[in-house]
Amino acid sequence: MHVSDVLLECSKECARLSRECRNKQVADALFEISARLLSAATHDAELAVDDAQATSQPDLYVGSFRGE
């Protein structure tokens, strides 16, 4: 399981707990944590995609062209 998957699951659980919480201050704190976890999950997933794309693309600068 990727880090972004764990962060996303935690974000969802915090959001669920926030909805069910009767204490407004605690509910607001849980919602804020949920939003921060979701942001971290998104950032981590973007980094993973960027890394995967970087390793799968051929290096265009290797070698030389004739006539240079």
N, C-alpha and C. Protein backbone atom coordinates (compact mmCIF):
# COMPACT_ATOMS: atom_id res chain seq x y z
N MET A 1 0.85 -1.18 0.00
CA MET A 1 0.00 0.00 0.00
C MET A 1 0.90 1.24 0.00
N HIS A 2 0.59 2.18 -0.86
CA HIS A 2 1.36 3.42 -0.97
C HIS A 2 1.03 4.37 0.17
N VAL A 3 1.95 5.26 0.45
CA VAL A 3 1.74 6.26 1.49
C VAL A 3 0.49 7.09 1.18
N SER A 4 0.30 7.46 -0.08
CA SER A 4 -0.86 8.27 -0.43
C SER A 4 -2.16 7.53 -0.14
N ASP A 5 -2.17 6.20 -0.29
CA ASP A 5 -3.37 5.42 0.03
C ASP A 5 -3.68 5.47 1.53
N VAL A 6 -2.64 5.36 2.34
CA VAL A 6 -2.81 5.41 3.79
C VAL A 6 -3.31 6.80 4.20
N LEU A 7 -2.71 7.84 3.64
CA LEU A 7 -3.14 9.20 3.96
C LEU A 7 -4.59 9.43 3.55
N LEU A 8 -4.98 8.91 2.40
CA LEU A 8 -6.35 9.07 1.93
C LEU A 8 -7.33 8.36 2.86
N GLU A 9 -7.01 7.15 3.28
CA GLU A 9 -7.88 6.41 4.20
C GLU A 9 -8.02 7.15 5.53
N CYS A 10 -6.91 7.67 6.04
CA CYS A 10 -6.96 8.44 7.29
C CYS A 10 -7.80 9.71 7.12
N SER A 11 -7.66 10.35 5.98
CA SER A 11 -8.44 11.54 5.69
C SER A 11 -9.94 11.23 5.69
N LYS A 12 -10.30 10.14 5.05
CA LYS A 12 -11.71 9.74 5.01
C LYS A 12 -12.24 9.44 6.40
N GLU A 13 -11.44 8.76 7.21
CA GLU A 13 -11.87 8.40 8.57
C GLU A 13 -12.03 9.65 9.43
N CYS A 14 -11.12 10.60 9.31
CA CYS A 14 -11.25 11.85 10.06
C CYS A 14 -12.50 12.63 9.62
N ALA A 15 -12.77 12.63 8.34
CA ALA A 15 -13.97 13.31 7.85
C ALA A 15 -15.23 12.63 8.40
N ARG A 16 -15.24 11.32 8.43
CA ARG A 16 -16.39 10.58 8.97
C ARG A 16 -16.58 10.90 10.45
N LEU A 17 -15.48 10.86 11.20
CA LEU A 17 -15.56 11.17 12.63
C LEU A 17 -16.00 12.61 12.85
N SER A 18 -15.57 13.51 12.00
CA SER A 18 -15.97 14.91 12.10
C SER A 18 -17.48 15.06 11.93
N ARG A 19 -18.03 14.34 10.98
CA ARG A 19 -19.48 14.40 10.74
C ARG A 19 -20.27 13.85 11.92
N GLU A 20 -19.74 12.84 12.57
CA GLU A 20 -20.46 12.18 13.66
C GLU A 20 -20.23 12.83 15.02
N CYS A 21 -19.25 13.72 15.11
CA CYS A 21 -18.88 14.31 16.40
C CYS A 21 -19.92 15.36 16.82
N ARG A 22 -20.27 15.34 18.09
CA ARG A 22 -21.25 16.30 18.61
C ARG A 22 -20.59 17.56 19.16
N ASN A 23 -19.30 17.49 19.42
CA ASN A 23 -18.56 18.64 19.92
C ASN A 23 -18.03 19.43 18.72
N LYS A 24 -18.52 20.66 18.55
CA LYS A 24 -18.17 21.45 17.36
C LYS A 24 -16.67 21.71 17.27
N GLN A 25 -16.02 21.99 18.39
CA GLN A 25 -14.59 22.28 18.36
C GLN A 25 -13.80 21.04 17.91
N VAL A 26 -14.16 19.88 18.42
CA VAL A 26 -13.49 18.64 18.04
C VAL A 26 -13.80 18.31 16.57
N ALA A 27 -15.06 18.51 16.18
CA ALA A 27 -15.46 18.24 14.78
C ALA A 27 -14.68 19.13 13.82
N ASP A 28 -14.52 20.39 14.17
CA ASP A 28 -13.76 21.31 13.31
C ASP A 28 -12.29 20.89 13.22
N ALA A 29 -11.72 20.48 14.34
CA ALA A 29 -10.32 20.03 14.34
C ALA A 29 -10.16 18.78 13.49
N LEU A 30 -11.08 17.84 13.61
CA LEU A 30 -11.02 16.62 12.80
C LEU A 30 -11.16 16.93 11.32
N PHE A 31 -12.04 17.87 10.98
CA PHE A 31 -12.21 18.24 9.58
C PHE A 31 -10.94 18.89 9.04
N GLU A 32 -10.29 19.73 9.85
CA GLU A 32 -9.04 20.36 9.42
C GLU A 32 -7.95 19.30 9.20
N ILE A 33 -7.87 18.35 10.10
CA ILE A 33 -6.91 17.25 9.93
C ILE A 33 -7.21 16.47 8.66
N SER A 34 -8.48 16.21 8.43
CA SER A 34 -8.89 15.50 7.21
C SER A 34 -8.44 16.23 5.96
N ALA A 35 -8.62 17.53 5.94
CA ALA A 35 -8.23 18.33 4.78
C ALA A 35 -6.72 18.31 4.58
N ARG A 36 -5.97 18.37 5.66
CA ARG A 36 -4.50 18.35 5.57
C ARG A 36 -4.01 16.99 5.09
N LEU A 37 -4.64 15.93 5.58
CA LEU A 37 -4.27 14.58 5.13
C LEU A 37 -4.58 14.40 3.65
N LEU A 38 -5.73 14.91 3.21
CA LEU A 38 -6.10 14.81 1.80
C LEU A 38 -5.10 15.57 0.93
N SER A 39 -4.69 16.74 1.38
CA SER A 39 -3.69 17.51 0.64
C SER A 39 -2.37 16.75 0.55
N ALA A 40 -1.96 16.15 1.66
CA ALA A 40 -0.71 15.37 1.67
C ALA A 40 -0.82 14.16 0.76
N ALA A 41 -1.98 13.50 0.76
CA ALA A 41 -2.19 12.34 -0.11
C ALA A 41 -2.09 12.74 -1.58
N THR A 42 -2.70 13.86 -1.92
CA THR A 42 -2.66 14.35 -3.29
C THR A 42 -1.23 14.69 -3.71
N HIS A 43 -0.52 15.37 -2.83
CA HIS A 43 0.87 15.75 -3.13
C HIS A 43 1.74 14.50 -3.31
N ASP A 44 1.57 13.52 -2.42
CA ASP A 44 2.36 12.30 -2.51
C ASP A 44 2.05 11.54 -3.80
N ALA A 45 0.78 11.47 -4.17
CA ALA A 45 0.40 10.77 -5.40
C ALA A 45 0.98 11.48 -6.63
N GLU A 46 0.98 12.81 -6.61
CA GLU A 46 1.56 13.56 -7.73
C GLU A 46 3.05 13.29 -7.85
N LEU A 47 3.74 13.23 -6.71
CA LEU A 47 5.17 12.93 -6.73
C LEU A 47 5.43 11.53 -7.28
N ALA A 48 4.60 10.58 -6.90
CA ALA A 48 4.77 9.20 -7.38
C ALA A 48 4.56 9.13 -8.88
N VAL A 49 3.57 9.84 -9.39
CA VAL A 49 3.31 9.86 -10.83
C VAL A 49 4.48 10.52 -11.57
N ASP A 50 4.96 11.64 -11.03
CA ASP A 50 6.10 12.33 -11.66
C ASP A 50 7.32 11.42 -11.69
N ASP A 51 7.58 10.70 -10.59
CA ASP A 51 8.73 9.78 -10.55
C ASP A 51 8.57 8.66 -11.57
N ALA A 52 7.37 8.12 -11.68
CA ALA A 52 7.11 7.03 -12.62
C ALA A 52 7.29 7.51 -14.06
N GLN A 53 6.83 8.71 -14.35
CA GLN A 53 6.98 9.24 -15.70
C GLN A 53 8.44 9.53 -16.02
N ALA A 54 9.16 10.02 -15.05
CA ALA A 54 10.58 10.35 -15.27
C ALA A 54 11.40 9.10 -15.54
N THR A 55 11.08 8.00 -14.89
CA THR A 55 11.85 6.78 -15.10
C THR A 55 11.44 6.04 -16.36
N SER A 56 10.24 6.31 -16.89
CA SER A 56 9.79 5.58 -18.07
C SER A 56 10.08 6.31 -19.37
N GLN A 57 10.47 7.58 -19.32
CA GLN A 57 10.75 8.35 -20.53
C GLN A 57 12.22 8.16 -20.93
N PRO A 58 12.46 7.99 -22.21
CA PRO A 58 13.85 7.86 -22.65
C PRO A 58 14.57 9.19 -22.51
N ASP A 59 15.86 9.12 -22.31
CA ASP A 59 16.67 10.32 -22.19
C ASP A 59 16.90 10.87 -23.60
N LEU A 60 16.35 12.04 -23.86
CA LEU A 60 16.42 12.63 -25.19
C LEU A 60 17.77 13.30 -25.47
N TYR A 61 18.59 13.45 -24.47
CA TYR A 61 19.84 14.16 -24.65
C TYR A 61 21.05 13.23 -24.77
N VAL A 62 20.84 11.96 -24.82
CA VAL A 62 21.94 11.02 -24.96
C VAL A 62 22.33 10.93 -26.42
N GLY A 63 23.61 10.92 -26.68
CA GLY A 63 24.08 10.83 -28.06
C GLY A 63 24.23 12.20 -28.70
N SER A 64 24.63 12.19 -29.95
CA SER A 64 24.77 13.46 -30.66
C SER A 64 24.12 13.34 -32.02
N PHE A 65 23.85 14.48 -32.59
CA PHE A 65 23.25 14.53 -33.92
C PHE A 65 24.34 14.81 -34.94
N ARG A 66 24.16 14.31 -36.13
CA ARG A 66 25.13 14.58 -37.21
C ARG A 66 25.04 16.04 -37.62
N GLY A 67 26.15 16.58 -37.94
CA GLY A 67 26.18 17.96 -38.42
C GLY A 67 26.35 18.97 -37.31
N GLU A 68 26.51 18.52 -36.10
CA GLU A 68 26.69 19.50 -35.02
C GLU A 68 28.14 19.74 -34.75
